All heavy atoms as atom14 arrays in JSON, in Angstrom:
{
  "sequence": "ALPYLVAVDSSTDLNADNYLYTVQFTTEQM",
  "atom14_mask": [
    [1, 1, 1, 1, 1, 0, 0, 0, 0, 0, 0, 0, 0, 0],
    [1, 1, 1, 1, 1, 1, 1, 1, 0, 0, 0, 0, 0, 0],
    [1, 1, 1, 1, 1, 1, 1, 0, 0, 0, 0, 0, 0, 0],
    [1, 1, 1, 1, 1, 1, 1, 1, 1, 1, 1, 1, 0, 0],
    [1, 1, 1, 1, 1, 1, 1, 1, 0, 0, 0, 0, 0, 0],
    [1, 1, 1, 1, 1, 1, 1, 0, 0, 0, 0, 0, 0, 0],
    [1, 1, 1, 1, 1, 0, 0, 0, 0, 0, 0, 0, 0, 0],
    [1, 1, 1, 1, 1, 1, 1, 0, 0, 0, 0, 0, 0, 0],
    [1, 1, 1, 1, 1, 1, 1, 1, 0, 0, 0, 0, 0, 0],
    [1, 1, 1, 1, 1, 1, 0, 0, 0, 0, 0, 0, 0, 0],
    [1, 1, 1, 1, 1, 1, 0, 0, 0, 0, 0, 0, 0, 0],
    [1, 1, 1, 1, 1, 1, 1, 0, 0, 0, 0, 0, 0, 0],
    [1, 1, 1, 1, 1, 1, 1, 1, 0, 0, 0, 0, 0, 0],
    [1, 1, 1, 1, 1, 1, 1, 1, 0, 0, 0, 0, 0, 0],
    [1, 1, 1, 1, 1, 1, 1, 1, 0, 0, 0, 0, 0, 0],
    [1, 1, 1, 1, 1, 0, 0, 0, 0, 0, 0, 0, 0, 0],
    [1, 1, 1, 1, 1, 1, 1, 1, 0, 0, 0, 0, 0, 0],
    [1, 1, 1, 1, 1, 1, 1, 1, 0, 0, 0, 0, 0, 0],
    [1, 1, 1, 1, 1, 1, 1, 1, 1, 1, 1, 1, 0, 0],
    [1, 1, 1, 1, 1, 1, 1, 1, 0, 0, 0, 0, 0, 0],
    [1, 1, 1, 1, 1, 1, 1, 1, 1, 1, 1, 1, 0, 0],
    [1, 1, 1, 1, 1, 1, 1, 0, 0, 0, 0, 0, 0, 0],
    [1, 1, 1, 1, 1, 1, 1, 0, 0, 0, 0, 0, 0, 0],
    [1, 1, 1, 1, 1, 1, 1, 1, 1, 0, 0, 0, 0, 0],
    [1, 1, 1, 1, 1, 1, 1, 1, 1, 1, 1, 0, 0, 0],
    [1, 1, 1, 1, 1, 1, 1, 0, 0, 0, 0, 0, 0, 0],
    [1, 1, 1, 1, 1, 1, 1, 0, 0, 0, 0, 0, 0, 0],
    [1, 1, 1, 1, 1, 1, 1, 1, 1, 0, 0, 0, 0, 0],
    [1, 1, 1, 1, 1, 1, 1, 1, 1, 0, 0, 0, 0, 0],
    [1, 1, 1, 1, 1, 1, 1, 1, 0, 0, 0, 0, 0, 0]
  ],
  "atom14_positions": [
    [[21.76, -18.68, -10.4], [21.47, -17.55, -9.51], [19.97, -17.27, -9.49], [19.35, -17.13, -10.54], [22.22, -16.3, -9.99], [0.0, 0.0, 0.0], [0.0, 0.0, 0.0], [0.0, 0.0, 0.0], [0.0, 0.0, 0.0], [0.0, 0.0, 0.0], [0.0, 0.0, 0.0], [0.0, 0.0, 0.0], [0.0, 0.0, 0.0], [0.0, 0.0, 0.0]],
    [[19.41, -17.24, -8.3], [18.02, -16.83, -8.12], [18.04, -15.58, -7.24], [18.73, -15.56, -6.21], [17.2, -17.94, -7.46], [17.0, -19.18, -8.33], [16.37, -20.31, -7.53], [16.14, -18.85, -9.54], [0.0, 0.0, 0.0], [0.0, 0.0, 0.0], [0.0, 0.0, 0.0], [0.0, 0.0, 0.0], [0.0, 0.0, 0.0], [0.0, 0.0, 0.0]],
    [[17.3, -14.54, -7.62], [17.41, -13.25, -6.93], [16.97, -13.26, -5.46], [17.32, -12.36, -4.72], [16.53, -12.32, -7.76], [15.63, -13.21, -8.54], [16.36, -14.5, -8.72], [0.0, 0.0, 0.0], [0.0, 0.0, 0.0], [0.0, 0.0, 0.0], [0.0, 0.0, 0.0], [0.0, 0.0, 0.0], [0.0, 0.0, 0.0], [0.0, 0.0, 0.0]],
    [[16.26, -14.26, -5.05], [15.81, -14.34, -3.65], [16.58, -15.39, -2.84], [16.35, -15.54, -1.65], [14.31, -14.62, -3.57], [13.89, -15.89, -4.29], [13.9, -17.11, -3.64], [13.53, -15.85, -5.63], [13.55, -18.27, -4.3], [13.17, -17.0, -6.3], [13.19, -18.2, -5.64], [12.85, -19.35, -6.29], [0.0, 0.0, 0.0], [0.0, 0.0, 0.0]],
    [[17.51, -16.09, -3.5], [18.38, -17.05, -2.8], [19.8, -16.5, -2.82], [20.69, -16.97, -3.53], [18.31, -18.44, -3.45], [16.99, -19.18, -3.28], [17.03, -20.53, -4.02], [16.65, -19.4, -1.81], [0.0, 0.0, 0.0], [0.0, 0.0, 0.0], [0.0, 0.0, 0.0], [0.0, 0.0, 0.0], [0.0, 0.0, 0.0], [0.0, 0.0, 0.0]],
    [[19.97, -15.44, -2.03], [21.23, -14.72, -1.94], [21.78, -14.83, -0.52], [21.08, -15.28, 0.39], [21.04, -13.23, -2.33], [20.62, -13.11, -3.79], [20.01, -12.57, -1.42], [0.0, 0.0, 0.0], [0.0, 0.0, 0.0], [0.0, 0.0, 0.0], [0.0, 0.0, 0.0], [0.0, 0.0, 0.0], [0.0, 0.0, 0.0], [0.0, 0.0, 0.0]],
    [[23.0, -14.41, -0.35], [23.62, -14.46, 0.97], [22.98, -13.42, 1.89], [22.82, -12.26, 1.51], [25.11, -14.18, 0.86], [0.0, 0.0, 0.0], [0.0, 0.0, 0.0], [0.0, 0.0, 0.0], [0.0, 0.0, 0.0], [0.0, 0.0, 0.0], [0.0, 0.0, 0.0], [0.0, 0.0, 0.0], [0.0, 0.0, 0.0], [0.0, 0.0, 0.0]],
    [[22.57, -13.86, 3.08], [22.04, -12.96, 4.1], [22.67, -13.33, 5.45], [23.14, -14.45, 5.64], [20.49, -12.99, 4.22], [19.82, -12.6, 2.9], [19.99, -14.34, 4.69], [0.0, 0.0, 0.0], [0.0, 0.0, 0.0], [0.0, 0.0, 0.0], [0.0, 0.0, 0.0], [0.0, 0.0, 0.0], [0.0, 0.0, 0.0], [0.0, 0.0, 0.0]],
    [[22.65, -12.39, 6.36], [23.18, -12.61, 7.7], [22.36, -13.67, 8.43], [21.13, -13.66, 8.38], [23.15, -11.3, 8.5], [23.62, -11.51, 9.92], [24.83, -11.62, 10.12], [22.76, -11.59, 10.83], [0.0, 0.0, 0.0], [0.0, 0.0, 0.0], [0.0, 0.0, 0.0], [0.0, 0.0, 0.0], [0.0, 0.0, 0.0], [0.0, 0.0, 0.0]],
    [[23.06, -14.56, 9.09], [22.42, -15.55, 9.95], [23.35, -15.81, 11.13], [23.61, -16.95, 11.51], [22.11, -16.84, 9.17], [21.21, -17.64, 9.9], [0.0, 0.0, 0.0], [0.0, 0.0, 0.0], [0.0, 0.0, 0.0], [0.0, 0.0, 0.0], [0.0, 0.0, 0.0], [0.0, 0.0, 0.0], [0.0, 0.0, 0.0], [0.0, 0.0, 0.0]],
    [[23.85, -14.71, 11.7], [24.87, -14.8, 12.74], [24.38, -15.47, 14.02], [25.2, -15.92, 14.82], [25.47, -13.43, 13.04], [24.46, -12.5, 13.33], [0.0, 0.0, 0.0], [0.0, 0.0, 0.0], [0.0, 0.0, 0.0], [0.0, 0.0, 0.0], [0.0, 0.0, 0.0], [0.0, 0.0, 0.0], [0.0, 0.0, 0.0], [0.0, 0.0, 0.0]],
    [[23.06, -15.59, 14.2], [22.58, -16.32, 15.38], [22.98, -17.79, 15.3], [23.04, -18.47, 16.33], [21.05, -16.21, 15.51], [20.45, -16.66, 14.3], [20.62, -14.78, 15.81], [0.0, 0.0, 0.0], [0.0, 0.0, 0.0], [0.0, 0.0, 0.0], [0.0, 0.0, 0.0], [0.0, 0.0, 0.0], [0.0, 0.0, 0.0], [0.0, 0.0, 0.0]],
    [[23.31, -18.28, 14.11], [23.73, -19.67, 13.94], [25.05, -19.97, 14.65], [25.35, -21.13, 14.94], [23.88, -20.01, 12.46], [22.55, -20.08, 11.74], [21.5, -19.99, 12.4], [22.55, -20.23, 10.51], [0.0, 0.0, 0.0], [0.0, 0.0, 0.0], [0.0, 0.0, 0.0], [0.0, 0.0, 0.0], [0.0, 0.0, 0.0], [0.0, 0.0, 0.0]],
    [[25.84, -18.94, 14.92], [27.13, -19.14, 15.59], [26.96, -19.76, 16.97], [27.9, -20.34, 17.52], [27.9, -17.83, 15.69], [28.2, -17.11, 14.37], [28.89, -15.78, 14.64], [29.0, -17.97, 13.43], [0.0, 0.0, 0.0], [0.0, 0.0, 0.0], [0.0, 0.0, 0.0], [0.0, 0.0, 0.0], [0.0, 0.0, 0.0], [0.0, 0.0, 0.0]],
    [[25.76, -19.66, 17.53], [25.46, -20.2, 18.85], [24.81, -21.58, 18.8], [24.43, -22.12, 19.83], [24.55, -19.25, 19.63], [25.2, -17.9, 19.83], [26.37, -17.82, 20.16], [24.45, -16.84, 19.6], [0.0, 0.0, 0.0], [0.0, 0.0, 0.0], [0.0, 0.0, 0.0], [0.0, 0.0, 0.0], [0.0, 0.0, 0.0], [0.0, 0.0, 0.0]],
    [[24.68, -22.14, 17.61], [23.99, -23.43, 17.45], [24.81, -24.58, 18.06], [26.04, -24.55, 18.07], [23.75, -23.72, 15.97], [0.0, 0.0, 0.0], [0.0, 0.0, 0.0], [0.0, 0.0, 0.0], [0.0, 0.0, 0.0], [0.0, 0.0, 0.0], [0.0, 0.0, 0.0], [0.0, 0.0, 0.0], [0.0, 0.0, 0.0], [0.0, 0.0, 0.0]],
    [[24.09, -25.57, 18.55], [24.74, -26.79, 19.01], [25.47, -27.42, 17.82], [24.94, -27.47, 16.71], [23.7, -27.79, 19.53], [22.96, -27.27, 20.75], [23.52, -26.42, 21.48], [21.81, -27.69, 20.96], [0.0, 0.0, 0.0], [0.0, 0.0, 0.0], [0.0, 0.0, 0.0], [0.0, 0.0, 0.0], [0.0, 0.0, 0.0], [0.0, 0.0, 0.0]],
    [[26.68, -27.88, 18.03], [27.49, -28.52, 16.99], [27.75, -27.63, 15.79], [27.88, -28.11, 14.66], [26.87, -29.85, 16.54], [26.84, -30.86, 17.66], [27.84, -31.06, 18.35], [25.69, -31.48, 17.88], [0.0, 0.0, 0.0], [0.0, 0.0, 0.0], [0.0, 0.0, 0.0], [0.0, 0.0, 0.0], [0.0, 0.0, 0.0], [0.0, 0.0, 0.0]],
    [[27.82, -26.3, 16.02], [28.16, -25.36, 14.95], [29.51, -25.74, 14.34], [29.65, -25.8, 13.13], [28.18, -23.93, 15.51], [28.85, -22.93, 14.61], [28.2, -22.46, 13.47], [30.12, -22.45, 14.89], [28.8, -21.54, 12.64], [30.73, -21.53, 14.06], [30.07, -21.09, 12.94], [30.67, -20.19, 12.11], [0.0, 0.0, 0.0], [0.0, 0.0, 0.0]],
    [[30.49, -25.98, 15.19], [31.8, -26.48, 14.75], [31.82, -27.99, 14.92], [31.39, -28.51, 15.96], [32.94, -25.89, 15.58], [33.33, -24.45, 15.32], [34.4, -24.02, 16.31], [33.82, -24.26, 13.9], [0.0, 0.0, 0.0], [0.0, 0.0, 0.0], [0.0, 0.0, 0.0], [0.0, 0.0, 0.0], [0.0, 0.0, 0.0], [0.0, 0.0, 0.0]],
    [[32.32, -28.68, 13.91], [32.36, -30.14, 13.99], [33.61, -30.62, 13.25], [33.85, -30.22, 12.11], [31.1, -30.72, 13.33], [30.93, -32.2, 13.54], [30.38, -32.69, 14.71], [31.31, -33.11, 12.56], [30.21, -34.06, 14.91], [31.15, -34.46, 12.74], [30.6, -34.94, 13.91], [30.43, -36.28, 14.1], [0.0, 0.0, 0.0], [0.0, 0.0, 0.0]],
    [[34.4, -31.46, 13.89], [35.63, -31.95, 13.29], [35.53, -33.45, 13.06], [35.09, -34.19, 13.94], [36.85, -31.63, 14.18], [36.94, -30.21, 14.33], [38.14, -32.15, 13.56], [0.0, 0.0, 0.0], [0.0, 0.0, 0.0], [0.0, 0.0, 0.0], [0.0, 0.0, 0.0], [0.0, 0.0, 0.0], [0.0, 0.0, 0.0], [0.0, 0.0, 0.0]],
    [[35.92, -33.86, 11.88], [35.97, -35.28, 11.52], [37.42, -35.61, 11.14], [38.13, -34.77, 10.6], [34.97, -35.61, 10.39], [35.32, -34.9, 9.1], [34.86, -37.08, 10.16], [0.0, 0.0, 0.0], [0.0, 0.0, 0.0], [0.0, 0.0, 0.0], [0.0, 0.0, 0.0], [0.0, 0.0, 0.0], [0.0, 0.0, 0.0], [0.0, 0.0, 0.0]],
    [[37.83, -36.83, 11.46], [39.2, -37.25, 11.21], [39.23, -38.37, 10.17], [38.41, -39.28, 10.22], [39.84, -37.74, 12.51], [41.27, -38.15, 12.37], [41.9, -38.52, 13.73], [41.35, -38.19, 14.77], [43.03, -39.18, 13.69], [0.0, 0.0, 0.0], [0.0, 0.0, 0.0], [0.0, 0.0, 0.0], [0.0, 0.0, 0.0], [0.0, 0.0, 0.0]],
    [[40.16, -38.26, 9.23], [40.39, -39.29, 8.23], [41.84, -39.75, 8.33], [42.74, -38.91, 8.41], [40.21, -38.72, 6.8], [38.81, -38.39, 6.41], [38.23, -37.19, 6.76], [38.08, -39.28, 5.62], [36.94, -36.87, 6.37], [36.78, -38.97, 5.24], [36.21, -37.77, 5.61], [0.0, 0.0, 0.0], [0.0, 0.0, 0.0], [0.0, 0.0, 0.0]],
    [[42.06, -41.05, 8.29], [43.43, -41.53, 8.15], [43.87, -41.22, 6.72], [43.04, -40.93, 5.84], [43.54, -43.04, 8.39], [42.81, -43.72, 7.35], [43.01, -43.45, 9.76], [0.0, 0.0, 0.0], [0.0, 0.0, 0.0], [0.0, 0.0, 0.0], [0.0, 0.0, 0.0], [0.0, 0.0, 0.0], [0.0, 0.0, 0.0], [0.0, 0.0, 0.0]],
    [[45.16, -41.33, 6.46], [45.66, -41.1, 5.1], [45.0, -42.07, 4.13], [44.59, -41.69, 3.03], [47.2, -41.26, 5.07], [47.76, -40.32, 5.99], [47.76, -41.0, 3.69], [0.0, 0.0, 0.0], [0.0, 0.0, 0.0], [0.0, 0.0, 0.0], [0.0, 0.0, 0.0], [0.0, 0.0, 0.0], [0.0, 0.0, 0.0], [0.0, 0.0, 0.0]],
    [[44.85, -43.32, 4.54], [44.23, -44.33, 3.68], [42.76, -44.01, 3.42], [42.27, -44.17, 2.3], [44.37, -45.73, 4.31], [45.79, -46.24, 4.39], [46.61, -45.58, 5.52], [46.03, -45.09, 6.53], [47.85, -45.54, 5.38], [0.0, 0.0, 0.0], [0.0, 0.0, 0.0], [0.0, 0.0, 0.0], [0.0, 0.0, 0.0], [0.0, 0.0, 0.0]],
    [[42.03, -43.59, 4.44], [40.62, -43.23, 4.26], [40.48, -42.04, 3.3], [39.6, -42.04, 2.45], [39.97, -42.87, 5.61], [39.76, -44.05, 6.51], [39.35, -43.62, 7.93], [39.79, -42.59, 8.44], [38.51, -44.44, 8.55], [0.0, 0.0, 0.0], [0.0, 0.0, 0.0], [0.0, 0.0, 0.0], [0.0, 0.0, 0.0], [0.0, 0.0, 0.0]],
    [[41.36, -41.05, 3.44], [41.3, -39.89, 2.55], [41.64, -40.3, 1.12], [40.99, -39.86, 0.18], [42.24, -38.79, 3.05], [42.18, -37.53, 2.21], [40.53, -36.74, 2.18], [40.49, -36.04, 3.83], [0.0, 0.0, 0.0], [0.0, 0.0, 0.0], [0.0, 0.0, 0.0], [0.0, 0.0, 0.0], [0.0, 0.0, 0.0], [0.0, 0.0, 0.0]]
  ]
}
């Protein structure tokens, strides 16, 4: 824990390109 590396709001990130990204694995790959 570092006192200046804490959770802060960054809600503008919700509008980022590729904010959501889905990857698929076959059962064998997993």
